PDB file of N, CA and C in Angstrom:
ATOM      1  N   MET A   1       0.693  -1.364   0.042  1.00  0.00           N
ATOM      2  CA  MET A   1       0.129  -0.069   0.116  1.00  0.00           C
ATOM      3  C   MET A   1       0.800   1.131  -0.088  1.00  0.00           C
ATOM      4  N   ASP A   2       1.860   1.199   0.461  1.00  0.00           N
ATOM      5  CA  ASP A   2       2.839   2.289   0.560  1.00  0.00           C
ATOM      6  C   ASP A   2       3.079   2.982  -0.955  1.00  0.00           C
ATOM      7  N   GLY A   3       3.257   1.998  -1.820  1.00  0.00           N
ATOM      8  CA  GLY A   3       3.653   2.307  -3.162  1.00  0.00           C
ATOM      9  C   GLY A   3       2.344   3.053  -3.754  1.00  0.00           C
ATOM     10  N   VAL A   4       1.243   2.560  -3.332  1.00  0.00           N
ATOM     11  CA  VAL A   4      -0.154   3.139  -3.780  1.00  0.00           C
ATOM     12  C   VAL A   4      -0.120   4.752  -3.242  1.00  0.00           C
ATOM     13  N   TYR A   5      -0.018   4.834  -2.135  1.00  0.00           N
ATOM     14  CA  TYR A   5       0.096   6.117  -1.425  1.00  0.00           C
ATOM     15  C   TYR A   5       1.085   6.937  -2.113  1.00  0.00           C
ATOM     16  N   ALA A   6       2.165   6.582  -2.279  1.00  0.00           N
ATOM     17  CA  ALA A   6       3.291   7.334  -2.833  1.00  0.00           C
ATOM     18  C   ALA A   6       2.841   7.726  -4.002  1.00  0.00           C
ATOM     19  N   ASP A   7       2.512   6.934  -5.093  1.00  0.00           N
ATOM     20  CA  ASP A   7       2.040   7.143  -6.507  1.00  0.00           C
ATOM     21  C   ASP A   7       0.942   8.316  -6.317  1.00  0.00           C
ATOM     22  N   MET A   8      -0.050   8.164  -5.535  1.00  0.00           N
ATOM     23  CA  MET A   8      -0.991   9.185  -5.359  1.00  0.00           C
ATOM     24  C   MET A   8      -0.460  10.634  -5.025  1.00  0.00           C
ATOM     25  N   LEU A   9       0.386  10.484  -4.017  1.00  0.00           N
ATOM     26  CA  LEU A   9       0.989  11.708  -3.749  1.00  0.00           C
ATOM     27  C   LEU A   9       2.047  12.359  -4.899  1.00  0.00           C
ATOM     28  N   GLN A  10       2.561  11.561  -5.580  1.00  0.00           N
ATOM     29  CA  GLN A  10       3.574  12.091  -6.505  1.00  0.00           C
ATOM     30  C   GLN A  10       2.555  12.627  -7.680  1.00  0.00           C
ATOM     31  N   ASP A  11       1.426  11.972  -7.804  1.00  0.00           N
ATOM     32  CA  ASP A  11       0.445  12.756  -8.854  1.00  0.00           C
ATOM     33  C   ASP A  11       0.245  14.044  -8.501  1.00  0.00           C
ATOM     34  N   GLU A  12       0.180  14.369  -7.169  1.00  0.00           N
ATOM     35  CA  GLU A  12      -0.263  15.569  -6.761  1.00  0.00           C
ATOM     36  C   GLU A  12       1.274  16.790  -6.633  1.00  0.00           C
ATOM     37  N   GLY A  13       2.221  16.110  -7.035  1.00  0.00           N
ATOM     38  CA  GLY A  13       3.322  16.857  -7.154  1.00  0.00           C
ATOM     39  C   GLY A  13       4.074  16.929  -5.825  1.00  0.00           C
ATOM     40  N   ILE A  14       4.059  15.889  -4.993  1.00  0.00           N
ATOM     41  CA  ILE A  14       4.738  15.745  -3.785  1.00  0.00           C
ATOM     42  C   ILE A  14       5.750  14.665  -4.048  1.00  0.00           C
ATOM     43  N   ASP A  15       7.263  15.228  -3.648  1.00  0.00           N
ATOM     44  CA  ASP A  15       8.249  14.114  -4.020  1.00  0.00           C
ATOM     45  C   ASP A  15       8.476  13.340  -2.513  1.00  0.00           C
ATOM     46  N   VAL A  16       7.898  12.020  -2.804  1.00  0.00           N
ATOM     47  CA  VAL A  16       7.832  11.056  -1.502  1.00  0.00           C
ATOM     48  C   VAL A  16       7.947   9.677  -2.052  1.00  0.00           C
ATOM     49  N   THR A  17       8.594   8.898  -1.540  1.00  0.00           N
ATOM     50  CA  THR A  17       8.593   7.476  -1.898  1.00  0.00           C
ATOM     51  C   THR A  17       7.931   6.822  -1.021  1.00  0.00           C
ATOM     52  N   ALA A  18       7.741   5.385  -1.356  1.00  0.00           N
ATOM     53  CA  ALA A  18       7.229   4.369  -0.773  1.00  0.00           C
ATOM     54  C   ALA A  18       7.899   4.108   0.698  1.00  0.00           C
ATOM     55  N   GLY A  19       9.261   4.102   0.586  1.00  0.00           N
ATOM     56  CA  GLY A  19       9.973   4.060   1.869  1.00  0.00           C
ATOM     57  C   GLY A  19       9.656   5.106   2.981  1.00  0.00           C
ATOM     58  N   ASP A  20       9.784   6.517   2.224  1.00  0.00           N
ATOM     59  CA  ASP A  20       9.442   7.521   3.063  1.00  0.00           C
ATOM     60  C   ASP A  20       8.113   7.128   3.817  1.00  0.00           C
ATOM     61  N   ILE A  21       7.009   6.701   3.297  1.00  0.00           N
ATOM     62  CA  ILE A  21       5.762   6.586   3.832  1.00  0.00           C
ATOM     63  C   ILE A  21       5.815   5.446   4.747  1.00  0.00           C
ATOM     64  N   ALA A  22       6.600   4.479   4.367  1.00  0.00           N
ATOM     65  CA  ALA A  22       6.752   3.353   5.448  1.00  0.00           C
ATOM     66  C   ALA A  22       7.499   3.984   6.911  1.00  0.00           C
ATOM     67  N   ARG A  23       8.629   4.579   6.624  1.00  0.00           N
ATOM     68  CA  ARG A  23       9.292   4.917   7.700  1.00  0.00           C
ATOM     69  C   ARG A  23       8.338   6.109   8.528  1.00  0.00           C
ATOM     70  N   ALA A  24       7.876   6.912   7.829  1.00  0.00           N
ATOM     71  CA  ALA A  24       7.139   8.046   8.750  1.00  0.00           C
ATOM     72  C   ALA A  24       5.882   7.344   9.510  1.00  0.00           C
ATOM     73  N   SER A  25       5.261   6.298   8.779  1.00  0.00           N
ATOM     74  CA  SER A  25       4.132   5.537   9.139  1.00  0.00           C
ATOM     75  C   SER A  25       4.362   4.990  10.475  1.00  0.00           C
ATOM     76  N   THR A  26       5.496   4.111  10.372  1.00  0.00           N
ATOM     77  CA  THR A  26       5.809   3.558  11.814  1.00  0.00           C
ATOM     78  C   THR A  26       6.097   4.153  12.860  1.00  0.00           C
ATOM     79  N   ALA A  27       6.901   5.377  12.475  1.00  0.00           N
ATOM     80  CA  ALA A  27       7.319   6.569  13.764  1.00  0.00           C
ATOM     81  C   ALA A  27       5.897   7.254  14.101  1.00  0.00           C
ATOM     82  N   VAL A  28       5.061   7.386  13.118  1.00  0.00           N
ATOM     83  CA  VAL A  28       3.787   8.234  13.781  1.00  0.00           C
ATOM     84  C   VAL A  28       2.903   7.303  14.329  1.00  0.00           C
ATOM     85  N   CYS A  29       2.662   5.981  13.967  1.00  0.00           N
ATOM     86  CA  CYS A  29       2.007   5.205  14.693  1.00  0.00           C
ATOM     87  C   CYS A  29       2.386   4.824  16.013  1.00  0.00           C
ATOM     88  N   ASP A  30       3.634   4.740  16.101  1.00  0.00           N
ATOM     89  CA  ASP A  30       4.313   4.311  17.591  1.00  0.00           C
ATOM     90  C   ASP A  30       4.094   5.648  18.444  1.00  0.00           C
ATOM     91  N   ALA A  31       4.334   6.958  18.056  1.00  0.00           N
ATOM     92  CA  ALA A  31       4.088   8.070  18.623  1.00  0.00           C
ATOM     93  C   ALA A  31       2.722   8.173  19.111  1.00  0.00           C
ATOM     94  N   PHE A  32       1.592   7.995  18.132  1.00  0.00           N
ATOM     95  CA  PHE A  32       0.234   7.952  18.660  1.00  0.00           C
ATOM     96  C   PHE A  32      -0.046   6.963  19.655  1.00  0.00           C
ATOM     97  N   ASP A  33       0.518   5.780  19.597  1.00  0.00           N
ATOM     98  CA  ASP A  33       0.457   4.570  20.823  1.00  0.00           C
ATOM     99  C   ASP A  33       0.810   5.536  21.995  1.00  0.00           C
ATOM    100  N   GLY A  34       2.055   6.327  22.122  1.00  0.00           N
ATOM    101  CA  GLY A  34       2.485   6.712  23.182  1.00  0.00           C
ATOM    102  C   GLY A  34       1.933   8.042  23.724  1.00  0.00           C
ATOM    103  N   GLY A  35       0.643   8.501  23.068  1.00  0.00           N
ATOM    104  CA  GLY A  35      -0.229   9.781  23.352  1.00  0.00           C
ATOM    105  C   GLY A  35       0.252  10.976  22.415  1.00  0.00           C
ATOM    106  N   ALA A  36       1.034  10.801  21.618  1.00  0.00           N
ATOM    107  CA  ALA A  36       1.409  12.217  20.755  1.00  0.00           C
ATOM    108  C   ALA A  36       0.256  12.690  20.278  1.00  0.00           C
ATOM    109  N   GLY A  37       0.437  13.923  19.803  1.00  0.00           N
ATOM    110  CA  GLY A  37      -0.867  14.549  19.035  1.00  0.00           C
ATOM    111  C   GLY A  37      -0.466  14.919  17.502  1.00  0.00           C
ATOM    112  N   GLN A  38      -1.185  15.644  16.856  1.00  0.00           N
ATOM    113  CA  GLN A  38      -1.013  15.754  15.453  1.00  0.00           C
ATOM    114  C   GLN A  38       0.045  16.603  15.180  1.00  0.00           C
ATOM    115  N   GLY A  39       0.364  17.538  16.079  1.00  0.00           N
ATOM    116  CA  GLY A  39       1.710  18.420  15.712  1.00  0.00           C
ATOM    117  C   GLY A  39       2.855  17.637  16.085  1.00  0.00           C
ATOM    118  N   GLU A  40       3.071  16.707  17.014  1.00  0.00           N
ATOM    119  CA  GLU A  40       4.051  15.754  16.978  1.00  0.00           C
ATOM    120  C   GLU A  40       4.263  15.077  15.701  1.00  0.00           C
ATOM    121  N   ALA A  41       3.020  14.470  15.084  1.00  0.00           N
ATOM    122  CA  ALA A  41       3.079  13.491  14.038  1.00  0.00           C
ATOM    123  C   ALA A  41       3.491  14.470  12.931  1.00  0.00           C
ATOM    124  N   LEU A  42       3.232  15.638  12.727  1.00  0.00           N
ATOM    125  CA  LEU A  42       3.451  16.149  11.451  1.00  0.00           C
ATOM    126  C   LEU A  42       4.941  16.450  11.484  1.00  0.00           C
ATOM    127  N   GLY A  43       5.587  16.814  12.759  1.00  0.00           N
ATOM    128  CA  GLY A  43       7.077  16.831  12.928  1.00  0.00           C
ATOM    129  C   GLY A  43       7.683  15.652  12.627  1.00  0.00           C
ATOM    130  N   ILE A  44       7.230  14.453  12.950  1.00  0.00           N
ATOM    131  CA  ILE A  44       7.985  13.392  12.414  1.00  0.00           C
ATOM    132  C   ILE A  44       7.801  13.213  10.812  1.00  0.00           C
ATOM    133  N   VAL A  45       6.666  13.523  10.374  1.00  0.00           N
ATOM    134  CA  VAL A  45       6.770  13.334   8.920  1.00  0.00           C
ATOM    135  C   VAL A  45       7.501  14.256   8.188  1.00  0.00           C
ATOM    136  N   GLU A  46       7.637  15.632   8.790  1.00  0.00           N
ATOM    137  CA  GLU A  46       8.544  16.364   8.180  1.00  0.00           C
ATOM    138  C   GLU A  46      10.209  16.048   8.370  1.00  0.00           C
ATOM    139  N   GLU A  47      10.483  15.397   9.734  1.00  0.00           N
ATOM    140  CA  GLU A  47      11.616  14.778   9.942  1.00  0.00           C
ATOM    141  C   GLU A  47      12.067  13.661   8.707  1.00  0.00           C
ATOM    142  N   THR A  48      11.022  12.583   8.685  1.00  0.00           N
ATOM    143  CA  THR A  48      11.575  11.429   7.962  1.00  0.00           C
ATOM    144  C   THR A  48      11.231  11.721   6.366  1.00  0.00           C
ATOM    145  N   THR A  49      10.629  12.789   6.122  1.00  0.00           N
ATOM    146  CA  THR A  49      10.464  12.805   4.529  1.00  0.00           C
ATOM    147  C   THR A  49      11.099  14.101   3.846  1.00  0.00           C
ATOM    148  N   GLY A  50      11.362  15.180   4.660  1.00  0.00           N
ATOM    149  CA  GLY A  50      12.085  16.104   4.187  1.00  0.00           C
ATOM    150  C   GLY A  50      10.971  17.070   3.783  1.00  0.00           C
ATOM    151  N   ALA A  51       9.726  16.671   3.653  1.00  0.00           N
ATOM    152  CA  ALA A  51       8.665  17.712   3.091  1.00  0.00           C
ATOM    153  C   ALA A  51       8.245  18.738   4.271  1.00  0.00           C
ATOM    154  N   THR A  52       7.771  19.752   3.881  1.00  0.00           N
ATOM    155  CA  THR A  52       7.321  20.879   4.981  1.00  0.00           C
ATOM    156  C   THR A  52       5.888  21.387   4.398  1.00  0.00           C
ATOM    157  N   GLY A  53       5.339  22.254   5.161  1.00  0.00           N
ATOM    158  CA  GLY A  53       4.173  22.606   4.862  1.00  0.00           C
ATOM    159  C   GLY A  53       3.029  22.061   4.407  1.00  0.00           C
ATOM    160  N   TRP A  54       2.379  22.284   3.469  1.00  0.00           N
ATOM    161  CA  TRP A  54       1.239  21.693   2.860  1.00  0.00           C
ATOM    162  C   TRP A  54       1.338  20.162   2.404  1.00  0.00           C
ATOM    163  N   GLN A  55       2.541  20.145   1.906  1.00  0.00           N
ATOM    164  CA  GLN A  55       3.295  18.694   1.483  1.00  0.00           C
ATOM    165  C   GLN A  55       3.169  17.721   2.605  1.00  0.00           C
ATOM    166  N   ALA A  56       3.770  18.095   3.735  1.00  0.00           N
ATOM    167  CA  ALA A  56       3.869  17.285   4.831  1.00  0.00           C
ATOM    168  C   ALA A  56       2.713  17.085   5.638  1.00  0.00           C
ATOM    169  N   THR A  57       1.709  17.982   5.434  1.00  0.00           N
ATOM    170  CA  THR A  57       0.250  17.942   5.840  1.00  0.00           C
ATOM    171  C   THR A  57      -0.440  16.783   4.961  1.00  0.00           C
ATOM    172  N   ARG A  58      -0.324  16.970   3.817  1.00  0.00           N
ATOM    173  CA  ARG A  58      -0.944  15.963   2.799  1.00  0.00           C
ATOM    174  C   ARG A  58      -0.349  14.459   3.157  1.00  0.00           C
ATOM    175  N   ILE A  59       0.823  14.702   3.151  1.00  0.00           N
ATOM    176  CA  ILE A  59       1.559  13.047   3.370  1.00  0.00           C
ATOM    177  C   ILE A  59       0.996  12.442   4.602  1.00  0.00           C
ATOM    178  N   LEU A  60       0.798  13.233   5.731  1.00  0.00           N
ATOM    179  CA  LEU A  60       0.324  12.874   7.150  1.00  0.00           C
ATOM    180  C   LEU A  60      -1.015  12.501   6.861  1.00  0.00           C
ATOM    181  N   GLN A  61      -1.953  13.148   6.030  1.00  0.00           N
ATOM    182  CA  GLN A  61      -3.311  12.775   5.767  1.00  0.00           C
ATOM    183  C   GLN A  61      -3.408  11.736   4.846  1.00  0.00           C
ATOM    184  N   ALA A  62      -3.024  11.620   3.843  1.00  0.00           N
ATOM    185  CA  ALA A  62      -3.144  10.669   2.720  1.00  0.00           C
ATOM    186  C   ALA A  62      -2.319   9.366   3.006  1.00  0.00           C
ATOM    187  N   GLY A  63      -1.207   9.315   3.514  1.00  0.00           N
ATOM    188  CA  GLY A  63      -0.407   8.047   3.723  1.00  0.00           C
ATOM    189  C   GLY A  63      -0.321   7.663   4.887  1.00  0.00           C
ATOM    190  N   VAL A  64       0.045   8.449   6.031  1.00  0.00           N
ATOM    191  CA  VAL A  64       0.535   7.916   7.145  1.00  0.00           C
ATOM    192  C   VAL A  64      -0.815   7.665   7.935  1.00  0.00           C
ATOM    193  N   LEU A  65      -1.607   8.413   8.087  1.00  0.00           N
ATOM    194  CA  LEU A  65      -2.835   8.172   8.858  1.00  0.00           C
ATOM    195  C   LEU A  65      -3.771   7.033   8.226  1.00  0.00           C
ATOM    196  N   SER A  66      -3.856   6.670   7.245  1.00  0.00           N
ATOM    197  CA  SER A  66      -4.075   5.596   6.504  1.00  0.00           C
ATOM    198  C   SER A  66      -3.470   4.444   7.077  1.00  0.00           C
ATOM    199  N   ARG A  67      -2.116   4.384   7.010  1.00  0.00           N
ATOM    200  CA  ARG A  67      -1.551   3.237   7.481  1.00  0.00           C
ATOM    201  C   ARG A  67      -1.583   3.233   8.855  1.00  0.00           C
ATOM    202  N   CYS A  68      -1.783   4.166   9.817  1.00  0.00           N
ATOM    203  CA  CYS A  68      -1.900   4.091  11.148  1.00  0.00           C
ATOM    204  C   CYS A  68      -3.569   3.315  11.571  1.00  0.00           C
ATOM    205  N   SER A  69      -4.377   3.675  10.573  1.00  0.00           N
ATOM    206  CA  SER A  69      -5.718   3.060  10.819  1.00  0.00           C
ATOM    207  C   SER A  69      -5.692   1.563  10.381  1.00  0.00           C
ATOM    208  N   GLN A  70      -5.026   1.154   9.697  1.00  0.00           N
ATOM    209  CA  GLN A  70      -4.963  -0.242   9.206  1.00  0.00           C
ATOM    210  C   GLN A  70      -3.922  -0.924  10.486  1.00  0.00           C
ATOM    211  N   TYR A  71      -3.012  -0.139  11.110  1.00  0.00           N
ATOM    212  CA  TYR A  71      -2.318  -0.785  12.117  1.00  0.00           C
ATOM    213  C   TYR A  71      -3.208  -1.020  13.300  1.00  0.00           C
ATOM    214  N   VAL A  72      -4.031  -0.070  13.686  1.00  0.00           N
ATOM    215  CA  VAL A  72      -5.091  -0.285  14.715  1.00  0.00           C
ATOM    216  C   VAL A  72      -6.143  -1.118  14.448  1.00  0.00           C
ATOM    217  N   ASP A  73      -6.458  -1.450  13.265  1.00  0.00           N
ATOM    218  CA  ASP A  73      -7.552  -2.538  13.070  1.00  0.00           C
ATOM    219  C   ASP A  73      -6.925  -3.856  13.052  1.00  0.00           C
ATOM    220  N   SER A  74      -5.498  -4.018  12.732  1.00  0.00           N
ATOM    221  CA  SER A  74      -4.990  -5.460  12.953  1.00  0.00           C
ATOM    222  C   SER A  74      -4.508  -5.558  14.107  1.00  0.00           C
ATOM    223  N   THR A  75      -4.236  -4.659  15.095  1.00  0.00           N
ATOM    224  CA  THR A  75      -3.597  -4.873  16.415  1.00  0.00           C
ATOM    225  C   THR A  75      -4.824  -4.669  17.202  1.00  0.00           C
ATOM    226  N   TYR A  76      -5.712  -4.243  17.414  1.00  0.00           N
ATOM    227  CA  TYR A  76      -6.590  -3.984  18.524  1.00  0.00           C
ATOM    228  C   TYR A  76      -7.786  -4.683  18.041  1.00  0.00           C
TER     229      TYR A  76
END
């Protein structure tokens, strides 16, 4: 699924790879498990992908949160 999310975001003009989404998702999902909020999650996305501003927000919305939802469904 990371590749699908990456392709979609690349079509929107965002330079992100499937590996970027995988790394960001793992870190963000773990942070959410630890009680982090959206601001912290956005910082993680910025740090792991190099994206900033609207692009980082879009990566968080489109790729990372979708992965975290799948993680929650399979874990709990």
